[in-house]
Amino acid sequence: MTAQTPPTPPFRDPQLPFAKRIDDLLARLTLDERIAFLHQFAPAVERLGVAAFRTGQEALHGVAWMGPATVFPQAVGLGATWNDELVRRVGEAVSAEVRAMRARDDRVGLNVWSPTVNLLRHPLWGRNEEGYSEDPKLTSAIATAYTQGLRGDHPDYWRTAPVLKHWLAHNNETDRDTTSSSVRPRVLHEYDLRAFRATVEAGAVAGVMPA
């Protein structure tokens, strides 16, 4: 009597739509396993043959913190160039280096946590070097260029998956995990949201990181 090979679960079938594969995998995970996947370093789920992986990494001005890579100017310096084509090329270089790192180590995730689209509203904010400017139009133009470089030009296959941050009106470090950012409607729509909107509409954004 020959042992039968167990059927391939739907989440491993590349012929199925991506959404169906995700639904199938999620249905097989326990609550604890789902929660563990929310961490930057996701543990293996051996019973399903899912290896440990890293969900992504910072890529605001390169990925040198992950190993040898090009160090580009901080985002505020890139914003000061007013040169969206130059910033797009920087994004292309960063995404190529992320892919090279993944080729050496498949635990390296292709989600890249950048760019920071929060506006530089206050000089005392501890992350001003992560953003591009205080102006929503300039910030959006530079952020869009960077995400397009990170994503690449292929119509179907993305070189990396850019994740904008931090949603929304994130401009304080003190008690930032407990405080509330209350923004007047006009400021919200003409300032904070405006910086995000055009970048999302450009179609090169994979997700948004909550503040």
N, C-alpha and C. Protein backbone atom coordinates (compact mmCIF):
# COMPACT_ATOMS: atom_id res chain seq x y z
N MET A 1 0.85 -1.19 0.00
CA MET A 1 0.00 0.00 0.00
C MET A 1 0.89 1.24 0.00
N THR A 2 0.67 2.07 -0.99
CA THR A 2 1.50 3.30 -1.09
C THR A 2 0.88 4.45 -0.30
N ALA A 3 1.78 5.19 0.40
CA ALA A 3 1.30 6.35 1.16
C ALA A 3 0.95 7.47 0.19
N GLN A 4 -0.15 8.09 0.43
CA GLN A 4 -0.59 9.19 -0.45
C GLN A 4 0.03 10.50 0.02
N THR A 5 0.44 11.31 -0.96
CA THR A 5 0.97 12.63 -0.63
C THR A 5 -0.19 13.52 -0.21
N PRO A 6 -0.06 14.21 0.94
CA PRO A 6 -1.15 15.10 1.35
C PRO A 6 -1.37 16.21 0.33
N PRO A 7 -2.61 16.61 0.13
CA PRO A 7 -2.87 17.66 -0.87
C PRO A 7 -2.21 18.99 -0.48
N THR A 8 -1.82 19.74 -1.50
CA THR A 8 -1.21 21.06 -1.25
C THR A 8 -2.27 22.01 -0.73
N PRO A 9 -2.03 22.66 0.42
CA PRO A 9 -3.04 23.61 0.91
C PRO A 9 -3.19 24.79 -0.04
N PRO A 10 -4.38 25.35 -0.13
CA PRO A 10 -4.61 26.46 -1.07
C PRO A 10 -3.65 27.64 -0.90
N PHE A 11 -3.19 27.90 0.33
CA PHE A 11 -2.33 29.09 0.49
C PHE A 11 -0.97 28.90 -0.18
N ARG A 12 -0.65 27.67 -0.58
CA ARG A 12 0.62 27.42 -1.28
C ARG A 12 0.44 27.29 -2.80
N ASP A 13 -0.76 27.51 -3.28
CA ASP A 13 -1.06 27.35 -4.70
C ASP A 13 -0.90 28.69 -5.43
N PRO A 14 0.17 28.87 -6.20
CA PRO A 14 0.41 30.16 -6.87
C PRO A 14 -0.62 30.48 -7.95
N GLN A 15 -1.42 29.47 -8.35
CA GLN A 15 -2.43 29.72 -9.38
C GLN A 15 -3.68 30.42 -8.82
N LEU A 16 -3.84 30.37 -7.50
CA LEU A 16 -5.02 30.98 -6.88
C LEU A 16 -4.81 32.48 -6.69
N PRO A 17 -5.89 33.25 -6.67
CA PRO A 17 -5.76 34.69 -6.37
C PRO A 17 -5.11 34.90 -5.01
N PHE A 18 -4.34 35.95 -4.92
CA PHE A 18 -3.58 36.23 -3.69
C PHE A 18 -4.50 36.34 -2.48
N ALA A 19 -5.65 37.01 -2.64
CA ALA A 19 -6.57 37.19 -1.51
C ALA A 19 -7.08 35.85 -0.99
N LYS A 20 -7.34 34.90 -1.90
CA LYS A 20 -7.81 33.58 -1.47
C LYS A 20 -6.73 32.83 -0.71
N ARG A 21 -5.49 32.99 -1.14
CA ARG A 21 -4.39 32.33 -0.45
C ARG A 21 -4.22 32.88 0.96
N ILE A 22 -4.36 34.20 1.10
CA ILE A 22 -4.25 34.82 2.42
C ILE A 22 -5.37 34.34 3.33
N ASP A 23 -6.60 34.34 2.80
CA ASP A 23 -7.75 33.89 3.60
C ASP A 23 -7.56 32.46 4.08
N ASP A 24 -7.03 31.61 3.20
CA ASP A 24 -6.82 30.22 3.58
C ASP A 24 -5.77 30.09 4.69
N LEU A 25 -4.67 30.83 4.54
CA LEU A 25 -3.62 30.77 5.57
C LEU A 25 -4.13 31.29 6.90
N LEU A 26 -4.82 32.42 6.87
CA LEU A 26 -5.34 32.98 8.13
C LEU A 26 -6.30 32.03 8.83
N ALA A 27 -7.10 31.32 8.04
CA ALA A 27 -8.07 30.38 8.62
C ALA A 27 -7.36 29.22 9.32
N ARG A 28 -6.13 28.93 8.92
CA ARG A 28 -5.39 27.80 9.50
C ARG A 28 -4.57 28.20 10.73
N LEU A 29 -4.41 29.49 10.95
CA LEU A 29 -3.59 29.97 12.07
C LEU A 29 -4.43 30.06 13.35
N THR A 30 -3.80 29.75 14.47
CA THR A 30 -4.46 29.98 15.75
C THR A 30 -4.39 31.46 16.08
N LEU A 31 -5.14 31.87 17.09
CA LEU A 31 -5.13 33.28 17.50
C LEU A 31 -3.72 33.69 17.93
N ASP A 32 -3.05 32.84 18.70
CA ASP A 32 -1.69 33.16 19.15
C ASP A 32 -0.73 33.29 17.98
N GLU A 33 -0.89 32.45 16.97
CA GLU A 33 -0.01 32.53 15.80
C GLU A 33 -0.27 33.82 15.02
N ARG A 34 -1.53 34.21 14.92
CA ARG A 34 -1.84 35.47 14.22
C ARG A 34 -1.22 36.65 14.95
N ILE A 35 -1.34 36.66 16.26
CA ILE A 35 -0.78 37.76 17.06
C ILE A 35 0.74 37.80 16.90
N ALA A 36 1.38 36.63 16.88
CA ALA A 36 2.84 36.58 16.73
C ALA A 36 3.28 37.17 15.40
N PHE A 37 2.42 37.08 14.37
CA PHE A 37 2.76 37.62 13.06
C PHE A 37 2.75 39.15 13.04
N LEU A 38 2.20 39.76 14.08
CA LEU A 38 2.18 41.22 14.14
C LEU A 38 3.53 41.80 14.52
N HIS A 39 4.43 40.96 14.99
CA HIS A 39 5.75 41.44 15.40
C HIS A 39 6.66 41.57 14.19
N GLN A 40 7.68 42.41 14.33
CA GLN A 40 8.65 42.58 13.25
C GLN A 40 9.33 41.25 12.90
N PHE A 41 9.65 40.45 13.92
CA PHE A 41 10.27 39.15 13.70
C PHE A 41 9.20 38.07 13.92
N ALA A 42 8.66 37.52 12.84
CA ALA A 42 7.59 36.54 12.96
C ALA A 42 8.19 35.14 13.11
N PRO A 43 7.76 34.40 14.12
CA PRO A 43 8.30 33.05 14.33
C PRO A 43 7.76 32.06 13.30
N ALA A 44 8.44 30.92 13.19
CA ALA A 44 7.99 29.88 12.27
C ALA A 44 6.70 29.22 12.78
N VAL A 45 5.89 28.77 11.83
CA VAL A 45 4.73 27.92 12.16
C VAL A 45 5.03 26.57 11.50
N GLU A 46 5.72 25.73 12.24
CA GLU A 46 6.26 24.50 11.65
C GLU A 46 5.17 23.56 11.14
N ARG A 47 4.03 23.52 11.83
CA ARG A 47 2.98 22.58 11.42
C ARG A 47 2.42 22.92 10.04
N LEU A 48 2.58 24.19 9.61
CA LEU A 48 2.12 24.59 8.27
C LEU A 48 3.28 24.76 7.29
N GLY A 49 4.50 24.53 7.77
CA GLY A 49 5.65 24.70 6.90
C GLY A 49 5.98 26.14 6.61
N VAL A 50 5.57 27.06 7.50
CA VAL A 50 5.86 28.48 7.32
C VAL A 50 7.12 28.80 8.11
N ALA A 51 8.14 29.27 7.42
CA ALA A 51 9.42 29.57 8.07
C ALA A 51 9.36 30.91 8.79
N ALA A 52 10.28 31.10 9.73
CA ALA A 52 10.40 32.40 10.40
C ALA A 52 10.76 33.47 9.37
N PHE A 53 10.26 34.67 9.58
CA PHE A 53 10.60 35.74 8.65
C PHE A 53 10.57 37.08 9.36
N ARG A 54 11.17 38.05 8.71
CA ARG A 54 11.15 39.43 9.20
C ARG A 54 10.21 40.21 8.31
N THR A 55 9.29 40.95 8.93
CA THR A 55 8.25 41.59 8.12
C THR A 55 8.79 42.73 7.27
N GLY A 56 9.86 43.36 7.67
CA GLY A 56 10.38 44.47 6.89
C GLY A 56 11.46 45.21 7.63
N GLN A 57 11.84 46.37 7.09
CA GLN A 57 12.90 47.16 7.72
C GLN A 57 12.80 48.62 7.31
N GLU A 58 13.43 49.44 8.12
CA GLU A 58 13.51 50.86 7.81
C GLU A 58 14.29 51.05 6.52
N ALA A 59 13.87 52.03 5.73
CA ALA A 59 14.60 52.31 4.49
C ALA A 59 14.51 53.79 4.15
N LEU A 60 14.57 54.63 5.17
CA LEU A 60 14.35 56.06 4.96
C LEU A 60 15.44 56.71 4.11
N HIS A 61 16.67 56.25 4.28
CA HIS A 61 17.75 56.80 3.45
C HIS A 61 18.78 55.72 3.15
N GLY A 62 18.24 54.49 2.93
CA GLY A 62 19.10 53.35 2.67
C GLY A 62 18.87 52.28 3.73
N VAL A 63 19.54 51.15 3.56
CA VAL A 63 19.35 50.02 4.47
C VAL A 63 20.68 49.55 5.05
N ALA A 64 21.59 50.50 5.30
CA ALA A 64 22.91 50.14 5.82
C ALA A 64 22.85 49.53 7.21
N TRP A 65 21.78 49.80 7.96
CA TRP A 65 21.68 49.21 9.30
C TRP A 65 21.47 47.71 9.23
N MET A 66 21.14 47.19 8.02
CA MET A 66 20.97 45.75 7.83
C MET A 66 22.27 45.09 7.35
N GLY A 67 23.28 45.89 7.04
CA GLY A 67 24.52 45.34 6.52
C GLY A 67 25.11 46.31 5.50
N PRO A 68 26.18 45.93 4.82
CA PRO A 68 26.81 46.84 3.85
C PRO A 68 25.82 47.32 2.80
N ALA A 69 25.67 48.63 2.68
CA ALA A 69 24.75 49.24 1.71
C ALA A 69 25.09 50.72 1.60
N THR A 70 24.54 51.35 0.58
CA THR A 70 24.78 52.78 0.37
C THR A 70 24.04 53.60 1.41
N VAL A 71 24.72 54.60 1.96
CA VAL A 71 24.08 55.52 2.90
C VAL A 71 23.78 56.82 2.15
N PHE A 72 22.50 57.09 1.96
CA PHE A 72 22.07 58.32 1.31
C PHE A 72 21.80 59.39 2.37
N PRO A 73 21.65 60.66 1.97
CA PRO A 73 21.33 61.70 2.96
C PRO A 73 20.02 61.40 3.67
N GLN A 74 19.90 61.90 4.89
CA GLN A 74 18.65 61.76 5.63
C GLN A 74 17.51 62.35 4.79
N ALA A 75 16.28 61.93 5.11
CA ALA A 75 15.12 62.35 4.31
C ALA A 75 14.99 63.87 4.23
N VAL A 76 15.25 64.57 5.33
CA VAL A 76 15.11 66.03 5.29
C VAL A 76 16.11 66.64 4.30
N GLY A 77 17.27 65.99 4.13
CA GLY A 77 18.23 66.43 3.12
C GLY A 77 17.76 66.12 1.71
N LEU A 78 17.12 64.95 1.53
CA LEU A 78 16.57 64.60 0.21
C LEU A 78 15.45 65.57 -0.17
N GLY A 79 14.63 65.93 0.83
CA GLY A 79 13.56 66.90 0.56
C GLY A 79 14.11 68.25 0.14
N ALA A 80 15.26 68.62 0.71
CA ALA A 80 15.86 69.92 0.40
C ALA A 80 16.39 70.00 -1.04
N THR A 81 16.50 68.87 -1.71
CA THR A 81 16.95 68.91 -3.11
C THR A 81 15.87 69.44 -4.04
N TRP A 82 14.59 69.32 -3.67
CA TRP A 82 13.46 69.68 -4.53
C TRP A 82 13.54 68.94 -5.87
N ASN A 83 14.16 67.77 -5.87
CA ASN A 83 14.42 67.07 -7.12
C ASN A 83 13.79 65.68 -7.05
N ASP A 84 12.55 65.58 -7.54
CA ASP A 84 11.84 64.31 -7.39
C ASP A 84 12.45 63.20 -8.24
N GLU A 85 13.05 63.52 -9.39
CA GLU A 85 13.67 62.50 -10.23
C GLU A 85 14.91 61.92 -9.53
N LEU A 86 15.68 62.76 -8.89
CA LEU A 86 16.85 62.29 -8.13
C LEU A 86 16.40 61.36 -7.00
N VAL A 87 15.35 61.76 -6.29
CA VAL A 87 14.86 60.95 -5.17
C VAL A 87 14.29 59.63 -5.67
N ARG A 88 13.65 59.63 -6.85
CA ARG A 88 13.16 58.37 -7.42
C ARG A 88 14.33 57.42 -7.67
N ARG A 89 15.44 57.95 -8.17
CA ARG A 89 16.62 57.12 -8.43
C ARG A 89 17.22 56.59 -7.13
N VAL A 90 17.17 57.40 -6.08
CA VAL A 90 17.63 56.92 -4.77
C VAL A 90 16.76 55.74 -4.33
N GLY A 91 15.44 55.87 -4.51
CA GLY A 91 14.53 54.78 -4.17
C GLY A 91 14.85 53.51 -4.95
N GLU A 92 15.17 53.66 -6.23
CA GLU A 92 15.53 52.50 -7.04
C GLU A 92 16.77 51.81 -6.50
N ALA A 93 17.78 52.60 -6.13
CA ALA A 93 19.02 52.03 -5.60
C ALA A 93 18.77 51.30 -4.28
N VAL A 94 17.96 51.91 -3.41
CA VAL A 94 17.66 51.29 -2.12
C VAL A 94 16.93 49.96 -2.33
N SER A 95 15.94 49.95 -3.22
CA SER A 95 15.18 48.72 -3.44
C SER A 95 16.05 47.62 -4.04
N ALA A 96 17.00 47.98 -4.90
CA ALA A 96 17.92 46.98 -5.46
C ALA A 96 18.79 46.38 -4.36
N GLU A 97 19.19 47.21 -3.39
CA GLU A 97 20.02 46.70 -2.30
C GLU A 97 19.21 45.82 -1.35
N VAL A 98 17.93 46.15 -1.15
CA VAL A 98 17.07 45.29 -0.33
C VAL A 98 16.95 43.92 -0.99
N ARG A 99 16.73 43.90 -2.31
CA ARG A 99 16.63 42.64 -3.04
C ARG A 99 17.93 41.84 -2.94
N ALA A 100 19.06 42.52 -3.02
CA ALA A 100 20.35 41.83 -2.91
C ALA A 100 20.51 41.21 -1.52
N MET A 101 20.07 41.93 -0.49
CA MET A 101 20.13 41.38 0.87
C MET A 101 19.23 40.15 1.00
N ARG A 102 18.06 40.22 0.37
CA ARG A 102 17.14 39.08 0.44
C ARG A 102 17.70 37.87 -0.30
N ALA A 103 18.46 38.12 -1.37
CA ALA A 103 19.06 37.01 -2.11
C ALA A 103 20.05 36.25 -1.24
N ARG A 104 20.70 36.98 -0.31
CA ARG A 104 21.64 36.33 0.62
C ARG A 104 20.94 35.71 1.81
N ASP A 105 19.79 36.29 2.22
CA ASP A 105 19.10 35.84 3.42
C ASP A 105 17.60 36.01 3.21
N ASP A 106 16.88 34.90 3.00
CA ASP A 106 15.46 35.02 2.66
C ASP A 106 14.59 35.43 3.84
N ARG A 107 15.21 35.65 5.02
CA ARG A 107 14.45 36.19 6.14
C ARG A 107 14.28 37.71 6.02
N VAL A 108 15.04 38.32 5.13
CA VAL A 108 14.92 39.77 4.91
C VAL A 108 13.60 40.04 4.20
N GLY A 109 12.73 40.82 4.84
CA GLY A 109 11.43 41.13 4.24
C GLY A 109 11.53 42.20 3.17
N LEU A 110 10.55 42.20 2.28
CA LEU A 110 10.53 43.20 1.21
C LEU A 110 9.64 44.38 1.54
N ASN A 111 8.96 44.35 2.71
CA ASN A 111 8.27 45.56 3.17
C ASN A 111 9.32 46.55 3.62
N VAL A 112 9.26 47.75 3.10
CA VAL A 112 10.20 48.79 3.55
C VAL A 112 9.39 49.91 4.20
N TRP A 113 9.76 50.25 5.41
CA TRP A 113 9.01 51.22 6.21
C TRP A 113 9.49 52.62 5.88
N SER A 114 8.99 53.12 4.80
CA SER A 114 9.36 54.46 4.34
C SER A 114 8.51 54.76 3.09
N PRO A 115 8.35 56.03 2.77
CA PRO A 115 8.91 57.19 3.44
C PRO A 115 8.04 57.69 4.60
N THR A 116 8.63 58.57 5.42
CA THR A 116 7.86 59.29 6.44
C THR A 116 7.21 60.49 5.77
N VAL A 117 5.89 60.54 5.83
CA VAL A 117 5.15 61.61 5.15
C VAL A 117 4.65 62.65 6.15
N ASN A 118 4.87 62.41 7.44
CA ASN A 118 4.47 63.42 8.43
C ASN A 118 5.21 64.73 8.16
N LEU A 119 4.50 65.82 8.34
CA LEU A 119 5.06 67.14 8.06
C LEU A 119 5.85 67.64 9.26
N LEU A 120 6.86 68.43 8.99
CA LEU A 120 7.76 68.90 10.05
C LEU A 120 7.17 70.17 10.67
N ARG A 121 6.18 69.95 11.55
CA ARG A 121 5.40 71.06 12.09
C ARG A 121 6.09 71.77 13.25
N HIS A 122 6.99 71.07 13.92
CA HIS A 122 7.57 71.64 15.14
C HIS A 122 9.05 71.28 15.21
N PRO A 123 9.92 72.28 15.44
CA PRO A 123 11.37 72.01 15.43
C PRO A 123 11.83 71.07 16.55
N LEU A 124 11.00 70.89 17.58
CA LEU A 124 11.40 70.02 18.68
C LEU A 124 10.97 68.56 18.49
N TRP A 125 10.27 68.27 17.39
CA TRP A 125 9.88 66.88 17.16
C TRP A 125 11.13 66.03 16.97
N GLY A 126 11.17 64.90 17.65
CA GLY A 126 12.37 64.08 17.65
C GLY A 126 12.65 63.33 16.38
N ARG A 127 11.75 63.42 15.39
CA ARG A 127 11.96 62.69 14.14
C ARG A 127 11.99 63.62 12.92
N ASN A 128 12.31 64.86 13.10
CA ASN A 128 12.31 65.79 11.97
C ASN A 128 13.24 65.34 10.85
N GLU A 129 14.31 64.63 11.20
CA GLU A 129 15.23 64.19 10.14
C GLU A 129 14.60 63.11 9.26
N GLU A 130 13.50 62.48 9.72
CA GLU A 130 12.86 61.42 8.95
C GLU A 130 11.90 61.94 7.89
N GLY A 131 11.45 63.19 8.03
CA GLY A 131 10.48 63.74 7.08
C GLY A 131 11.16 64.63 6.05
N TYR A 132 10.37 65.09 5.06
CA TYR A 132 10.95 65.85 3.96
C TYR A 132 10.87 67.36 4.15
N SER A 133 9.75 67.86 4.69
CA SER A 133 9.60 69.31 4.82
C SER A 133 8.35 69.62 5.62
N GLU A 134 8.10 70.91 5.82
CA GLU A 134 6.87 71.34 6.47
C GLU A 134 5.76 71.61 5.45
N ASP A 135 6.09 71.51 4.16
CA ASP A 135 5.14 71.84 3.11
C ASP A 135 4.49 70.57 2.54
N PRO A 136 3.15 70.48 2.54
CA PRO A 136 2.50 69.24 2.08
C PRO A 136 2.72 68.94 0.60
N LYS A 137 2.79 69.97 -0.23
CA LYS A 137 2.97 69.73 -1.67
C LYS A 137 4.36 69.15 -1.96
N LEU A 138 5.39 69.77 -1.39
CA LEU A 138 6.76 69.28 -1.60
C LEU A 138 6.91 67.88 -0.99
N THR A 139 6.42 67.71 0.23
CA THR A 139 6.54 66.41 0.90
C THR A 139 5.88 65.32 0.07
N SER A 140 4.69 65.58 -0.44
CA SER A 140 3.97 64.59 -1.23
C SER A 140 4.71 64.27 -2.52
N ALA A 141 5.26 65.28 -3.18
CA ALA A 141 5.97 65.05 -4.44
C ALA A 141 7.22 64.19 -4.22
N ILE A 142 7.98 64.51 -3.17
CA ILE A 142 9.20 63.75 -2.89
C ILE A 142 8.85 62.34 -2.42
N ALA A 143 7.83 62.22 -1.57
CA ALA A 143 7.42 60.90 -1.08
C ALA A 143 6.93 60.02 -2.22
N THR A 144 6.18 60.60 -3.15
CA THR A 144 5.69 59.85 -4.30
C THR A 144 6.86 59.35 -5.14
N ALA A 145 7.83 60.21 -5.39
CA ALA A 145 9.00 59.81 -6.17
C ALA A 145 9.75 58.67 -5.50
N TYR A 146 9.90 58.75 -4.18
CA TYR A 146 10.65 57.72 -3.47
C TYR A 146 9.91 56.38 -3.51
N THR A 147 8.59 56.42 -3.29
CA THR A 147 7.83 55.16 -3.34
C THR A 147 7.87 54.55 -4.75
N GLN A 148 7.83 55.39 -5.77
CA GLN A 148 7.89 54.86 -7.13
C GLN A 148 9.23 54.18 -7.41
N GLY A 149 10.30 54.77 -6.88
CA GLY A 149 11.61 54.14 -7.02
C GLY A 149 11.69 52.83 -6.25
N LEU A 150 11.13 52.81 -5.05
CA LEU A 150 11.14 51.59 -4.23
C LEU A 150 10.31 50.48 -4.87
N ARG A 151 9.17 50.86 -5.46
CA ARG A 151 8.27 49.88 -6.05
C ARG A 151 8.82 49.29 -7.34
N GLY A 152 9.44 50.13 -8.18
CA GLY A 152 9.91 49.68 -9.48
C GLY A 152 8.84 49.87 -10.55
N ASP A 153 9.19 49.61 -11.80
CA ASP A 153 8.33 49.93 -12.94
C ASP A 153 7.53 48.75 -13.47
N HIS A 154 7.79 47.54 -13.00
CA HIS A 154 7.08 46.38 -13.54
C HIS A 154 5.60 46.47 -13.20
N PRO A 155 4.70 46.19 -14.17
CA PRO A 155 3.27 46.36 -13.90
C PRO A 155 2.71 45.40 -12.84
N ASP A 156 3.34 44.24 -12.66
CA ASP A 156 2.80 43.24 -11.73
C ASP A 156 3.69 42.97 -10.52
N TYR A 157 5.01 42.94 -10.72
CA TYR A 157 5.92 42.53 -9.66
C TYR A 157 6.63 43.75 -9.06
N TRP A 158 6.45 43.93 -7.77
CA TRP A 158 7.05 45.05 -7.07
C TRP A 158 8.44 44.67 -6.58
N ARG A 159 9.39 45.59 -6.73
CA ARG A 159 10.73 45.30 -6.23
C ARG A 159 10.73 45.28 -4.70
N THR A 160 10.08 46.25 -4.09
CA THR A 160 9.82 46.24 -2.65
C THR A 160 8.41 46.78 -2.43
N ALA A 161 7.94 46.70 -1.19
CA ALA A 161 6.57 47.14 -0.86
C ALA A 161 6.65 48.32 0.12
N PRO A 162 6.60 49.55 -0.38
CA PRO A 162 6.73 50.72 0.50
C PRO A 162 5.55 50.89 1.45
N VAL A 163 5.85 51.22 2.70
CA VAL A 163 4.83 51.45 3.73
C VAL A 163 5.00 52.87 4.26
N LEU A 164 4.03 53.74 3.97
CA LEU A 164 4.09 55.13 4.45
C LEU A 164 3.93 55.18 5.96
N LYS A 165 4.45 56.22 6.57
CA LYS A 165 4.27 56.41 8.01
C LYS A 165 4.33 57.90 8.34
N HIS A 166 3.80 58.27 9.49
CA HIS A 166 3.03 57.49 10.47
C HIS A 166 1.62 58.08 10.46
N TRP A 167 0.62 57.26 10.33
CA TRP A 167 -0.77 57.71 10.18
C TRP A 167 -1.36 57.98 11.55
N LEU A 168 -1.74 59.17 11.86
CA LEU A 168 -1.77 60.43 11.13
C LEU A 168 -1.43 61.55 12.11
N ALA A 169 -0.94 62.70 11.62
CA ALA A 169 -0.62 63.85 12.47
C ALA A 169 0.33 63.47 13.59
N HIS A 170 1.35 62.71 13.24
CA HIS A 170 2.31 62.21 14.23
C HIS A 170 3.46 63.21 14.35
N ASN A 171 3.49 63.94 15.43
CA ASN A 171 4.53 64.96 15.61
C ASN A 171 5.01 65.08 17.05
N ASN A 172 4.85 64.03 17.84
CA ASN A 172 5.39 64.11 19.19
C ASN A 172 5.99 62.77 19.58
N GLU A 173 7.00 62.81 20.44
CA GLU A 173 7.64 61.59 20.91
C GLU A 173 7.26 61.29 22.36
N THR A 174 7.05 62.33 23.16
CA THR A 174 6.73 62.11 24.56
C THR A 174 5.36 61.46 24.71
N ASP A 175 5.32 60.31 25.36
CA ASP A 175 4.07 59.56 25.58
C ASP A 175 3.30 59.33 24.29
N ARG A 176 4.01 59.12 23.19
CA ARG A 176 3.33 59.02 21.89
C ARG A 176 2.45 57.78 21.77
N ASP A 177 2.64 56.80 22.68
CA ASP A 177 1.80 55.61 22.62
C ASP A 177 0.50 55.77 23.40
N THR A 178 0.33 56.92 24.07
CA THR A 178 -0.89 57.13 24.86
C THR A 178 -1.60 58.44 24.55
N THR A 179 -0.92 59.38 23.91
CA THR A 179 -1.53 60.69 23.65
C THR A 179 -2.40 60.65 22.39
N SER A 180 -3.29 61.64 22.28
CA SER A 180 -4.17 61.76 21.12
C SER A 180 -3.82 63.03 20.35
N SER A 181 -3.73 62.91 19.02
CA SER A 181 -3.49 64.09 18.18
C SER A 181 -4.83 64.59 17.66
N SER A 182 -5.29 65.71 18.20
CA SER A 182 -6.57 66.28 17.79
C SER A 182 -6.29 67.42 16.81
N VAL A 183 -6.79 67.27 15.60
CA VAL A 183 -6.48 68.23 14.54
C VAL A 183 -7.78 68.85 14.04
N ARG A 184 -7.78 70.18 13.88
CA ARG A 184 -8.96 70.85 13.35
C ARG A 184 -9.23 70.38 11.92
N PRO A 185 -10.51 70.30 11.51
CA PRO A 185 -10.85 69.75 10.19
C PRO A 185 -10.11 70.41 9.03
N ARG A 186 -9.99 71.74 9.05
CA ARG A 186 -9.32 72.38 7.92
C ARG A 186 -7.84 72.01 7.87
N VAL A 187 -7.20 71.98 9.03
CA VAL A 187 -5.79 71.59 9.08
C VAL A 187 -5.64 70.13 8.64
N LEU A 188 -6.55 69.29 9.08
CA LEU A 188 -6.50 67.88 8.71
C LEU A 188 -6.55 67.70 7.19
N HIS A 189 -7.53 68.36 6.53
CA HIS A 189 -7.75 68.12 5.11
C HIS A 189 -6.81 68.91 4.21
N GLU A 190 -6.42 70.12 4.62
CA GLU A 190 -5.57 70.94 3.76
C GLU A 190 -4.09 70.76 4.04
N TYR A 191 -3.78 70.09 5.15
CA TYR A 191 -2.37 69.99 5.54
C TYR A 191 -1.96 68.53 5.72
N ASP A 192 -2.38 67.90 6.82
CA ASP A 192 -1.89 66.56 7.13
C ASP A 192 -2.31 65.51 6.09
N LEU A 193 -3.59 65.46 5.75
CA LEU A 193 -4.06 64.47 4.78
C LEU A 193 -3.53 64.75 3.38
N ARG A 194 -3.36 66.01 3.06
CA ARG A 194 -2.91 66.38 1.72
C ARG A 194 -1.54 65.76 1.41
N ALA A 195 -0.68 65.68 2.40
CA ALA A 195 0.65 65.11 2.17
C ALA A 195 0.57 63.62 1.82
N PHE A 196 -0.38 62.91 2.43
CA PHE A 196 -0.53 61.48 2.17
C PHE A 196 -1.28 61.18 0.88
N ARG A 197 -2.30 62.01 0.57
CA ARG A 197 -3.29 61.65 -0.45
C ARG A 197 -2.65 61.37 -1.82
N ALA A 198 -1.87 62.31 -2.33
CA ALA A 198 -1.34 62.15 -3.69
C ALA A 198 -0.38 60.97 -3.78
N THR A 199 0.35 60.71 -2.70
CA THR A 199 1.29 59.59 -2.71
C THR A 199 0.54 58.27 -2.78
N VAL A 200 -0.55 58.15 -2.02
CA VAL A 200 -1.36 56.93 -2.07
C VAL A 200 -2.00 56.79 -3.44
N GLU A 201 -2.53 57.89 -3.98
CA GLU A 201 -3.21 57.84 -5.27
C GLU A 201 -2.26 57.51 -6.43
N ALA A 202 -0.96 57.72 -6.23
CA ALA A 202 0.00 57.41 -7.29
C ALA A 202 0.15 55.90 -7.51
N GLY A 203 -0.33 55.10 -6.55
CA GLY A 203 -0.39 53.67 -6.76
C GLY A 203 0.88 52.89 -6.48
N ALA A 204 1.82 53.47 -5.74
CA ALA A 204 3.07 52.75 -5.45
C ALA A 204 3.22 52.48 -3.97
N VAL A 205 2.12 52.47 -3.22
CA VAL A 205 2.17 52.29 -1.78
C VAL A 205 1.52 50.96 -1.41
N ALA A 206 2.21 50.15 -0.61
CA ALA A 206 1.67 48.85 -0.21
C ALA A 206 0.87 48.93 1.08
N GLY A 207 1.14 49.93 1.92
CA GLY A 207 0.45 50.03 3.20
C GLY A 207 0.81 51.32 3.91
N VAL A 208 0.19 51.50 5.05
CA VAL A 208 0.44 52.69 5.88
C VAL A 208 0.64 52.21 7.32
N MET A 209 1.70 52.67 7.94
CA MET A 209 1.99 52.30 9.32
C MET A 209 1.25 53.26 10.26
N PRO A 210 0.48 52.72 11.21
CA PRO A 210 -0.20 53.61 12.16
C PRO A 210 0.77 54.25 13.12
N ALA A 211 0.43 55.45 13.60
CA ALA A 211 1.28 56.14 14.56
C ALA A 211 1.18 55.43 15.90
